[in-house]
Amino acid sequence: MIRAGDIRKLSDFRANATAHLDRLAETGAIEVLTVNGEAKGVIMAPRVFDEMAERIEALEVTASVKRGLVDAAKGRTRPARAAIKKLARELGLDLGSNPA
């Protein structure tokens, strides 16, 4: 959550960049940088960015699994061998001989 104290003028950030970066690294906060009162950028510590990226990836995986479960519940499935063969044809791959 962004609080009023997390909104800073870009000119202040430029003048005190090291202090801002040190504070962000210590607190894990996020700052919104403004120009003439309008948000122009967001700055955060690298670890905060990494945590956000990991959370987004987890949410995307969860959403994908949920879509798959809905597809399965609605009968939108096919046998794995058929799906692999179709994908191989579409990609121009030769799977070689398959004894099974």
PDB file of N, CA and C in Angstrom:
ATOM      1  N   MET A   1       0.843  -1.171   0.000  1.00  0.00           N
ATOM      2  CA  MET A   1       0.000   0.000   0.000  1.00  0.00           C
ATOM      3  C   MET A   1       0.891   1.238   0.000  1.00  0.00           C
ATOM      4  N   ILE A   2       0.546   2.182  -0.839  1.00  0.00           N
ATOM      5  CA  ILE A   2       1.308   3.431  -0.931  1.00  0.00           C
ATOM      6  C   ILE A   2       0.651   4.452   0.000  1.00  0.00           C
ATOM      7  N   ARG A   3       1.462   5.047   0.854  1.00  0.00           N
ATOM      8  CA  ARG A   3       0.975   6.078   1.771  1.00  0.00           C
ATOM      9  C   ARG A   3       1.457   7.442   1.302  1.00  0.00           C
ATOM     10  N   ALA A   4       0.841   8.480   1.812  1.00  0.00           N
ATOM     11  CA  ALA A   4       1.209   9.844   1.421  1.00  0.00           C
ATOM     12  C   ALA A   4       2.705  10.093   1.620  1.00  0.00           C
ATOM     13  N   GLY A   5       3.275   9.520   2.667  1.00  0.00           N
ATOM     14  CA  GLY A   5       4.704   9.697   2.935  1.00  0.00           C
ATOM     15  C   GLY A   5       5.598   9.003   1.936  1.00  0.00           C
ATOM     16  N   ASP A   6       5.005   8.145   1.113  1.00  0.00           N
ATOM     17  CA  ASP A   6       5.783   7.420   0.100  1.00  0.00           C
ATOM     18  C   ASP A   6       5.810   8.158  -1.231  1.00  0.00           C
ATOM     19  N   ILE A   7       5.182   9.322  -1.283  1.00  0.00           N
ATOM     20  CA  ILE A   7       5.151  10.119  -2.508  1.00  0.00           C
ATOM     21  C   ILE A   7       6.188  11.221  -2.381  1.00  0.00           C
ATOM     22  N   ARG A   8       7.126  11.255  -3.309  1.00  0.00           N
ATOM     23  CA  ARG A   8       8.252  12.201  -3.233  1.00  0.00           C
ATOM     24  C   ARG A   8       8.424  12.921  -4.561  1.00  0.00           C
ATOM     25  N   LYS A   9       8.922  14.143  -4.450  1.00  0.00           N
ATOM     26  CA  LYS A   9       9.253  14.898  -5.661  1.00  0.00           C
ATOM     27  C   LYS A   9      10.508  14.304  -6.283  1.00  0.00           C
ATOM     28  N   LEU A  10      10.518  14.225  -7.592  1.00  0.00           N
ATOM     29  CA  LEU A  10      11.692  13.723  -8.296  1.00  0.00           C
ATOM     30  C   LEU A  10      12.909  14.579  -7.975  1.00  0.00           C
ATOM     31  N   SER A  11      12.711  15.882  -7.876  1.00  0.00           N
ATOM     32  CA  SER A  11      13.841  16.777  -7.559  1.00  0.00           C
ATOM     33  C   SER A  11      14.440  16.450  -6.196  1.00  0.00           C
ATOM     34  N   ASP A  12      13.598  16.083  -5.210  1.00  0.00           N
ATOM     35  CA  ASP A  12      14.109  15.692  -3.892  1.00  0.00           C
ATOM     36  C   ASP A  12      14.873  14.381  -3.992  1.00  0.00           C
ATOM     37  N   PHE A  13      14.344  13.454  -4.787  1.00  0.00           N
ATOM     38  CA  PHE A  13      15.044  12.181  -4.970  1.00  0.00           C
ATOM     39  C   PHE A  13      16.417  12.416  -5.593  1.00  0.00           C
ATOM     40  N   ARG A  14      16.466  13.249  -6.619  1.00  0.00           N
ATOM     41  CA  ARG A  14      17.748  13.530  -7.275  1.00  0.00           C
ATOM     42  C   ARG A  14      18.748  14.136  -6.309  1.00  0.00           C
ATOM     43  N   ALA A  15      18.282  15.040  -5.475  1.00  0.00           N
ATOM     44  CA  ALA A  15      19.179  15.726  -4.540  1.00  0.00           C
ATOM     45  C   ALA A  15      19.637  14.814  -3.403  1.00  0.00           C
ATOM     46  N   ASN A  16      18.837  13.805  -3.080  1.00  0.00           N
ATOM     47  CA  ASN A  16      19.133  12.954  -1.928  1.00  0.00           C
ATOM     48  C   ASN A  16      19.017  11.469  -2.281  1.00  0.00           C
ATOM     49  N   ALA A  17      19.494  11.106  -3.449  1.00  0.00           N
ATOM     50  CA  ALA A  17      19.300   9.741  -3.950  1.00  0.00           C
ATOM     51  C   ALA A  17      19.835   8.680  -2.999  1.00  0.00           C
ATOM     52  N   THR A  18      21.025   8.864  -2.471  1.00  0.00           N
ATOM     53  CA  THR A  18      21.606   7.851  -1.588  1.00  0.00           C
ATOM     54  C   THR A  18      20.754   7.644  -0.350  1.00  0.00           C
ATOM     55  N   ALA A  19      20.278   8.721   0.245  1.00  0.00           N
ATOM     56  CA  ALA A  19      19.435   8.609   1.443  1.00  0.00           C
ATOM     57  C   ALA A  19      18.130   7.880   1.112  1.00  0.00           C
ATOM     58  N   HIS A  20      17.545   8.209  -0.025  1.00  0.00           N
ATOM     59  CA  HIS A  20      16.302   7.536  -0.437  1.00  0.00           C
ATOM     60  C   HIS A  20      16.551   6.036  -0.633  1.00  0.00           C
ATOM     61  N   LEU A  21      17.600   5.697  -1.352  1.00  0.00           N
ATOM     62  CA  LEU A  21      17.902   4.295  -1.632  1.00  0.00           C
ATOM     63  C   LEU A  21      18.225   3.528  -0.353  1.00  0.00           C
ATOM     64  N   ASP A  22      18.954   4.162   0.556  1.00  0.00           N
ATOM     65  CA  ASP A  22      19.245   3.516   1.839  1.00  0.00           C
ATOM     66  C   ASP A  22      17.959   3.252   2.619  1.00  0.00           C
ATOM     67  N   ARG A  23      17.059   4.234   2.645  1.00  0.00           N
ATOM     68  CA  ARG A  23      15.790   4.083   3.365  1.00  0.00           C
ATOM     69  C   ARG A  23      14.946   2.966   2.738  1.00  0.00           C
ATOM     70  N   LEU A  24      14.893   2.944   1.416  1.00  0.00           N
ATOM     71  CA  LEU A  24      14.116   1.906   0.735  1.00  0.00           C
ATOM     72  C   LEU A  24      14.686   0.515   1.023  1.00  0.00           C
ATOM     73  N   ALA A  25      16.003   0.404   1.015  1.00  0.00           N
ATOM     74  CA  ALA A  25      16.634  -0.890   1.300  1.00  0.00           C
ATOM     75  C   ALA A  25      16.343  -1.332   2.729  1.00  0.00           C
ATOM     76  N   GLU A  26      16.337  -0.385   3.646  1.00  0.00           N
ATOM     77  CA  GLU A  26      16.112  -0.705   5.055  1.00  0.00           C
ATOM     78  C   GLU A  26      14.650  -1.028   5.356  1.00  0.00           C
ATOM     79  N   THR A  27      13.736  -0.259   4.788  1.00  0.00           N
ATOM     80  CA  THR A  27      12.323  -0.395   5.144  1.00  0.00           C
ATOM     81  C   THR A  27      11.527  -1.306   4.216  1.00  0.00           C
ATOM     82  N   GLY A  28      12.013  -1.499   3.002  1.00  0.00           N
ATOM     83  CA  GLY A  28      11.249  -2.277   2.030  1.00  0.00           C
ATOM     84  C   GLY A  28      10.079  -1.492   1.460  1.00  0.00           C
ATOM     85  N   ALA A  29      10.065  -0.183   1.686  1.00  0.00           N
ATOM     86  CA  ALA A  29       8.985   0.669   1.186  1.00  0.00           C
ATOM     87  C   ALA A  29       9.142   0.894  -0.317  1.00  0.00           C
ATOM     88  N   ILE A  30       8.117   1.453  -0.889  1.00  0.00           N
ATOM     89  CA  ILE A  30       8.108   1.833  -2.296  1.00  0.00           C
ATOM     90  C   ILE A  30       7.839   3.327  -2.349  1.00  0.00           C
ATOM     91  N   GLU A  31       8.534   4.056  -3.208  1.00  0.00           N
ATOM     92  CA  GLU A  31       8.301   5.488  -3.361  1.00  0.00           C
ATOM     93  C   GLU A  31       7.767   5.789  -4.748  1.00  0.00           C
ATOM     94  N   VAL A  32       6.794   6.673  -4.790  1.00  0.00           N
ATOM     95  CA  VAL A  32       6.271   7.190  -6.045  1.00  0.00           C
ATOM     96  C   VAL A  32       6.948   8.533  -6.262  1.00  0.00           C
ATOM     97  N   LEU A  33       7.566   8.709  -7.404  1.00  0.00           N
ATOM     98  CA  LEU A  33       8.251   9.970  -7.725  1.00  0.00           C
ATOM     99  C   LEU A  33       7.349  10.813  -8.613  1.00  0.00           C
ATOM    100  N   THR A  34       7.230  12.094  -8.270  1.00  0.00           N
ATOM    101  CA  THR A  34       6.335  12.978  -9.001  1.00  0.00           C
ATOM    102  C   THR A  34       7.081  14.135  -9.643  1.00  0.00           C
ATOM    103  N   VAL A  35       6.485  14.645 -10.701  1.00  0.00           N
ATOM    104  CA  VAL A  35       6.938  15.866 -11.374  1.00  0.00           C
ATOM    105  C   VAL A  35       5.702  16.737 -11.510  1.00  0.00           C
ATOM    106  N   ASN A  36       5.762  17.915 -10.940  1.00  0.00           N
ATOM    107  CA  ASN A  36       4.609  18.825 -10.930  1.00  0.00           C
ATOM    108  C   ASN A  36       3.357  18.145 -10.373  1.00  0.00           C
ATOM    109  N   GLY A  37       3.537  17.342  -9.332  1.00  0.00           N
ATOM    110  CA  GLY A  37       2.416  16.693  -8.669  1.00  0.00           C
ATOM    111  C   GLY A  37       1.868  15.468  -9.373  1.00  0.00           C
ATOM    112  N   GLU A  38       2.428  15.101 -10.510  1.00  0.00           N
ATOM    113  CA  GLU A  38       1.952  13.940 -11.270  1.00  0.00           C
ATOM    114  C   GLU A  38       2.942  12.779 -11.129  1.00  0.00           C
ATOM    115  N   ALA A  39       2.431  11.601 -10.825  1.00  0.00           N
ATOM    116  CA  ALA A  39       3.291  10.422 -10.682  1.00  0.00           C
ATOM    117  C   ALA A  39       4.010  10.146 -12.004  1.00  0.00           C
ATOM    118  N   LYS A  40       5.325  10.014 -11.925  1.00  0.00           N
ATOM    119  CA  LYS A  40       6.135   9.756 -13.124  1.00  0.00           C
ATOM    120  C   LYS A  40       6.966   8.487 -13.023  1.00  0.00           C
ATOM    121  N   GLY A  41       7.084   7.940 -11.805  1.00  0.00           N
ATOM    122  CA  GLY A  41       7.882   6.733 -11.649  1.00  0.00           C
ATOM    123  C   GLY A  41       7.728   6.149 -10.266  1.00  0.00           C
ATOM    124  N   VAL A  42       8.196   4.914 -10.147  1.00  0.00           N
ATOM    125  CA  VAL A  42       8.155   4.201  -8.875  1.00  0.00           C
ATOM    126  C   VAL A  42       9.535   3.624  -8.640  1.00  0.00           C
ATOM    127  N   ILE A  43      10.000   3.712  -7.409  1.00  0.00           N
ATOM    128  CA  ILE A  43      11.323   3.177  -7.080  1.00  0.00           C
ATOM    129  C   ILE A  43      11.196   2.296  -5.854  1.00  0.00           C
ATOM    130  N   MET A  44      11.960   1.202  -5.859  1.00  0.00           N
ATOM    131  CA  MET A  44      11.931   0.256  -4.749  1.00  0.00           C
ATOM    132  C   MET A  44      13.262  -0.461  -4.672  1.00  0.00           C
ATOM    133  N   ALA A  45      13.514  -1.094  -3.540  1.00  0.00           N
ATOM    134  CA  ALA A  45      14.736  -1.874  -3.365  1.00  0.00           C
ATOM    135  C   ALA A  45      14.660  -3.123  -4.251  1.00  0.00           C
ATOM    136  N   PRO A  46      15.794  -3.619  -4.714  1.00  0.00           N
ATOM    137  CA  PRO A  46      15.790  -4.807  -5.561  1.00  0.00           C
ATOM    138  C   PRO A  46      15.094  -6.006  -4.914  1.00  0.00           C
ATOM    139  N   ARG A  47      15.267  -6.200  -3.606  1.00  0.00           N
ATOM    140  CA  ARG A  47      14.627  -7.352  -2.953  1.00  0.00           C
ATOM    141  C   ARG A  47      13.110  -7.225  -2.985  1.00  0.00           C
ATOM    142  N   VAL A  48      12.599  -6.002  -2.905  1.00  0.00           N
ATOM    143  CA  VAL A  48      11.152  -5.786  -2.971  1.00  0.00           C
ATOM    144  C   VAL A  48      10.653  -6.120  -4.378  1.00  0.00           C
ATOM    145  N   PHE A  49      11.404  -5.687  -5.381  1.00  0.00           N
ATOM    146  CA  PHE A  49      11.050  -6.016  -6.763  1.00  0.00           C
ATOM    147  C   PHE A  49      11.039  -7.527  -6.964  1.00  0.00           C
ATOM    148  N   ASP A  50      12.075  -8.201  -6.459  1.00  0.00           N
ATOM    149  CA  ASP A  50      12.153  -9.660  -6.603  1.00  0.00           C
ATOM    150  C   ASP A  50      10.967 -10.343  -5.933  1.00  0.00           C
ATOM    151  N   GLU A  51      10.597  -9.881  -4.734  1.00  0.00           N
ATOM    152  CA  GLU A  51       9.453 -10.462  -4.026  1.00  0.00           C
ATOM    153  C   GLU A  51       8.163 -10.260  -4.825  1.00  0.00           C
ATOM    154  N   MET A  52       7.996  -9.074  -5.383  1.00  0.00           N
ATOM    155  CA  MET A  52       6.803  -8.806  -6.187  1.00  0.00           C
ATOM    156  C   MET A  52       6.771  -9.697  -7.422  1.00  0.00           C
ATOM    157  N   ALA A  53       7.915  -9.839  -8.080  1.00  0.00           N
ATOM    158  CA  ALA A  53       7.982 -10.670  -9.282  1.00  0.00           C
ATOM    159  C   ALA A  53       7.653 -12.128  -8.952  1.00  0.00           C
ATOM    160  N   GLU A  54       8.137 -12.622  -7.816  1.00  0.00           N
ATOM    161  CA  GLU A  54       7.845 -13.993  -7.403  1.00  0.00           C
ATOM    162  C   GLU A  54       6.353 -14.169  -7.117  1.00  0.00           C
ATOM    163  N   ARG A  55       5.747 -13.180  -6.460  1.00  0.00           N
ATOM    164  CA  ARG A  55       4.314 -13.247  -6.171  1.00  0.00           C
ATOM    165  C   ARG A  55       3.491 -13.244  -7.455  1.00  0.00           C
ATOM    166  N   ILE A  56       3.886 -12.410  -8.396  1.00  0.00           N
ATOM    167  CA  ILE A  56       3.169 -12.352  -9.677  1.00  0.00           C
ATOM    168  C   ILE A  56       3.279 -13.691 -10.388  1.00  0.00           C
ATOM    169  N   GLU A  57       4.475 -14.262 -10.402  1.00  0.00           N
ATOM    170  CA  GLU A  57       4.656 -15.557 -11.054  1.00  0.00           C
ATOM    171  C   GLU A  57       3.782 -16.624 -10.391  1.00  0.00           C
ATOM    172  N   ALA A  58       3.730 -16.630  -9.066  1.00  0.00           N
ATOM    173  CA  ALA A  58       2.899 -17.606  -8.347  1.00  0.00           C
ATOM    174  C   ALA A  58       1.420 -17.410  -8.694  1.00  0.00           C
ATOM    175  N   LEU A  59       0.985 -16.160  -8.789  1.00  0.00           N
ATOM    176  CA  LEU A  59      -0.406 -15.890  -9.156  1.00  0.00           C
ATOM    177  C   LEU A  59      -0.709 -16.362 -10.575  1.00  0.00           C
ATOM    178  N   GLU A  60       0.236 -16.152 -11.493  1.00  0.00           N
ATOM    179  CA  GLU A  60       0.039 -16.597 -12.870  1.00  0.00           C
ATOM    180  C   GLU A  60      -0.042 -18.120 -12.953  1.00  0.00           C
ATOM    181  N   VAL A  61       0.806 -18.809 -12.194  1.00  0.00           N
ATOM    182  CA  VAL A  61       0.762 -20.277 -12.183  1.00  0.00           C
ATOM    183  C   VAL A  61      -0.569 -20.746 -11.608  1.00  0.00           C
ATOM    184  N   THR A  62      -0.992 -20.125 -10.512  1.00  0.00           N
ATOM    185  CA  THR A  62      -2.271 -20.500  -9.893  1.00  0.00           C
ATOM    186  C   THR A  62      -3.424 -20.288 -10.870  1.00  0.00           C
ATOM    187  N   ALA A  63      -3.427 -19.164 -11.562  1.00  0.00           N
ATOM    188  CA  ALA A  63      -4.493 -18.887 -12.535  1.00  0.00           C
ATOM    189  C   ALA A  63      -4.473 -19.911 -13.660  1.00  0.00           C
ATOM    190  N   SER A  64      -3.291 -20.300 -14.104  1.00  0.00           N
ATOM    191  CA  SER A  64      -3.172 -21.292 -15.173  1.00  0.00           C
ATOM    192  C   SER A  64      -3.709 -22.646 -14.722  1.00  0.00           C
ATOM    193  N   VAL A  65      -3.379 -23.038 -13.502  1.00  0.00           N
ATOM    194  CA  VAL A  65      -3.883 -24.310 -12.965  1.00  0.00           C
ATOM    195  C   VAL A  65      -5.402 -24.255 -12.860  1.00  0.00           C
ATOM    196  N   LYS A  66      -5.946 -23.138 -12.387  1.00  0.00           N
ATOM    197  CA  LYS A  66      -7.401 -23.006 -12.279  1.00  0.00           C
ATOM    198  C   LYS A  66      -8.067 -23.112 -13.648  1.00  0.00           C
ATOM    199  N   ARG A  67      -7.467 -22.487 -14.675  1.00  0.00           N
ATOM    200  CA  ARG A  67      -8.023 -22.605 -16.026  1.00  0.00           C
ATOM    201  C   ARG A  67      -7.998 -24.054 -16.490  1.00  0.00           C
ATOM    202  N   GLY A  68      -6.922 -24.757 -16.181  1.00  0.00           N
ATOM    203  CA  GLY A  68      -6.829 -26.164 -16.553  1.00  0.00           C
ATOM    204  C   GLY A  68      -7.872 -27.014 -15.859  1.00  0.00           C
ATOM    205  N   LEU A  69      -8.108 -26.734 -14.591  1.00  0.00           N
ATOM    206  CA  LEU A  69      -9.134 -27.484 -13.853  1.00  0.00           C
ATOM    207  C   LEU A  69     -10.523 -27.224 -14.418  1.00  0.00           C
ATOM    208  N   VAL A  70     -10.784 -25.978 -14.804  1.00  0.00           N
ATOM    209  CA  VAL A  70     -12.079 -25.652 -15.420  1.00  0.00           C
ATOM    210  C   VAL A  70     -12.211 -26.392 -16.745  1.00  0.00           C
ATOM    211  N   ASP A  71     -11.147 -26.374 -17.550  1.00  0.00           N
ATOM    212  CA  ASP A  71     -11.179 -27.105 -18.826  1.00  0.00           C
ATOM    213  C   ASP A  71     -11.453 -28.588 -18.598  1.00  0.00           C
ATOM    214  N   ALA A  72     -10.770 -29.177 -17.619  1.00  0.00           N
ATOM    215  CA  ALA A  72     -10.966 -30.603 -17.340  1.00  0.00           C
ATOM    216  C   ALA A  72     -12.401 -30.868 -16.884  1.00  0.00           C
ATOM    217  N   ALA A  73     -12.941 -30.002 -16.033  1.00  0.00           N
ATOM    218  CA  ALA A  73     -14.312 -30.177 -15.540  1.00  0.00           C
ATOM    219  C   ALA A  73     -15.329 -30.071 -16.673  1.00  0.00           C
ATOM    220  N   LYS A  74     -14.999 -29.283 -17.706  1.00  0.00           N
ATOM    221  CA  LYS A  74     -15.916 -29.109 -18.839  1.00  0.00           C
ATOM    222  C   LYS A  74     -15.642 -30.099 -19.962  1.00  0.00           C
ATOM    223  N   GLY A  75     -14.713 -31.028 -19.700  1.00  0.00           N
ATOM    224  CA  GLY A  75     -14.430 -32.061 -20.689  1.00  0.00           C
ATOM    225  C   GLY A  75     -13.537 -31.615 -21.833  1.00  0.00           C
ATOM    226  N   ARG A  76     -12.897 -30.480 -21.688  1.00  0.00           N
ATOM    227  CA  ARG A  76     -12.017 -29.979 -22.758  1.00  0.00           C
ATOM    228  C   ARG A  76     -10.603 -30.543 -22.557  1.00  0.00           C
ATOM    229  N   THR A  77     -10.499 -31.839 -22.737  1.00  0.00           N
ATOM    230  CA  THR A  77      -9.215 -32.523 -22.579  1.00  0.00           C
ATOM    231  C   THR A  77      -9.006 -33.455 -23.757  1.00  0.00           C
ATOM    232  N   ARG A  78      -7.795 -33.978 -23.887  1.00  0.00           N
ATOM    233  CA  ARG A  78      -7.496 -35.003 -24.893  1.00  0.00           C
ATOM    234  C   ARG A  78      -6.381 -35.874 -24.330  1.00  0.00           C
ATOM    235  N   PRO A  79      -6.274 -37.096 -24.809  1.00  0.00           N
ATOM    236  CA  PRO A  79      -5.207 -37.970 -24.322  1.00  0.00           C
ATOM    237  C   PRO A  79      -3.834 -37.330 -24.571  1.00  0.00           C
ATOM    238  N   ALA A  80      -2.913 -37.541 -23.635  1.00  0.00           N
ATOM    239  CA  ALA A  80      -1.584 -36.925 -23.713  1.00  0.00           C
ATOM    240  C   ALA A  80      -0.855 -37.279 -25.000  1.00  0.00           C
ATOM    241  N   ARG A  81      -0.905 -38.551 -25.399  1.00  0.00           N
ATOM    242  CA  ARG A  81      -0.202 -38.958 -26.638  1.00  0.00           C
ATOM    243  C   ARG A  81      -0.718 -38.186 -27.847  1.00  0.00           C
ATOM    244  N   ALA A  82      -2.021 -38.048 -27.942  1.00  0.00           N
ATOM    245  CA  ALA A  82      -2.601 -37.317 -29.075  1.00  0.00           C
ATOM    246  C   ALA A  82      -2.171 -35.855 -29.042  1.00  0.00           C
ATOM    247  N   ALA A  83      -2.162 -35.271 -27.864  1.00  0.00           N
ATOM    248  CA  ALA A  83      -1.774 -33.868 -27.741  1.00  0.00           C
ATOM    249  C   ALA A  83      -0.308 -33.671 -28.115  1.00  0.00           C
ATOM    250  N   ILE A  84       0.552 -34.584 -27.677  1.00  0.00           N
ATOM    251  CA  ILE A  84       1.985 -34.481 -27.980  1.00  0.00           C
ATOM    252  C   ILE A  84       2.224 -34.655 -29.479  1.00  0.00           C
ATOM    253  N   LYS A  85       1.550 -35.627 -30.088  1.00  0.00           N
ATOM    254  CA  LYS A  85       1.708 -35.842 -31.530  1.00  0.00           C
ATOM    255  C   LYS A  85       1.241 -34.620 -32.319  1.00  0.00           C
ATOM    256  N   LYS A  86       0.121 -34.051 -31.923  1.00  0.00           N
ATOM    257  CA  LYS A  86      -0.400 -32.860 -32.612  1.00  0.00           C
ATOM    258  C   LYS A  86       0.581 -31.700 -32.471  1.00  0.00           C
ATOM    259  N   LEU A  87       1.092 -31.485 -31.274  1.00  0.00           N
ATOM    260  CA  LEU A  87       2.051 -30.410 -31.036  1.00  0.00           C
ATOM    261  C   LEU A  87       3.322 -30.631 -31.855  1.00  0.00           C
ATOM    262  N   ALA A  88       3.803 -31.863 -31.901  1.00  0.00           N
ATOM    263  CA  ALA A  88       4.999 -32.177 -32.686  1.00  0.00           C
ATOM    264  C   ALA A  88       4.772 -31.871 -34.164  1.00  0.00           C
ATOM    265  N   ARG A  89       3.602 -32.245 -34.694  1.00  0.00           N
ATOM    266  CA  ARG A  89       3.298 -31.944 -36.096  1.00  0.00           C
ATOM    267  C   ARG A  89       3.300 -30.430 -36.322  1.00  0.00           C
ATOM    268  N   GLU A  90       2.637 -29.680 -35.420  1.00  0.00           N
ATOM    269  CA  GLU A  90       2.556 -28.229 -35.570  1.00  0.00           C
ATOM    270  C   GLU A  90       3.940 -27.570 -35.523  1.00  0.00           C
ATOM    271  N   LEU A  91       4.852 -28.162 -34.756  1.00  0.00           N
ATOM    272  CA  LEU A  91       6.206 -27.604 -34.637  1.00  0.00           C
ATOM    273  C   LEU A  91       7.189 -28.201 -35.638  1.00  0.00           C
ATOM    274  N   GLY A  92       6.698 -29.151 -36.447  1.00  0.00           N
ATOM    275  CA  GLY A  92       7.561 -29.774 -37.440  1.00  0.00           C
ATOM    276  C   GLY A  92       8.613 -30.693 -36.830  1.00  0.00           C
ATOM    277  N   LEU A  93       8.284 -31.291 -35.707  1.00  0.00           N
ATOM    278  CA  LEU A  93       9.224 -32.183 -35.022  1.00  0.00           C
ATOM    279  C   LEU A  93       8.958 -33.628 -35.388  1.00  0.00           C
ATOM    280  N   ASP A  94      10.019 -34.411 -35.480  1.00  0.00           N
ATOM    281  CA  ASP A  94       9.889 -35.840 -35.728  1.00  0.00           C
ATOM    282  C   ASP A  94      10.156 -36.554 -34.414  1.00  0.00           C
ATOM    283  N   LEU A  95       9.133 -37.224 -33.899  1.00  0.00           N
ATOM    284  CA  LEU A  95       9.285 -37.923 -32.620  1.00  0.00           C
ATOM    285  C   LEU A  95       9.903 -39.301 -32.789  1.00  0.00           C
ATOM    286  N   GLY A  96      10.164 -39.713 -34.009  1.00  0.00           N
ATOM    287  CA  GLY A  96      10.751 -41.022 -34.256  1.00  0.00           C
ATOM    288  C   GLY A  96       9.733 -42.114 -34.058  1.00  0.00           C
ATOM    289  N   SER A  97      10.199 -43.318 -34.013  1.00  0.00           N
ATOM    290  CA  SER A  97       9.266 -44.433 -33.836  1.00  0.00           C
ATOM    291  C   SER A  97       8.856 -44.518 -32.370  1.00  0.00           C
ATOM    292  N   ASN A  98       7.629 -44.893 -32.172  1.00  0.00           N
ATOM    293  CA  ASN A  98       7.088 -44.992 -30.831  1.00  0.00           C
ATOM    294  C   ASN A  98       6.476 -46.375 -30.664  1.00  0.00           C
ATOM    295  N   PRO A  99       7.120 -47.265 -29.869  1.00  0.00           N
ATOM    296  CA  PRO A  99       6.638 -48.626 -29.759  1.00  0.00           C
ATOM    297  C   PRO A  99       5.287 -48.727 -29.039  1.00  0.00           C
ATOM    298  N   ALA A 100       4.909 -47.742 -28.296  1.00  0.00           N
ATOM    299  CA  ALA A 100       3.654 -47.846 -27.536  1.00  0.00           C
ATOM    300  C   ALA A 100       2.456 -47.386 -28.295  1.00  0.00           C
TER     301      ALA A 100
END
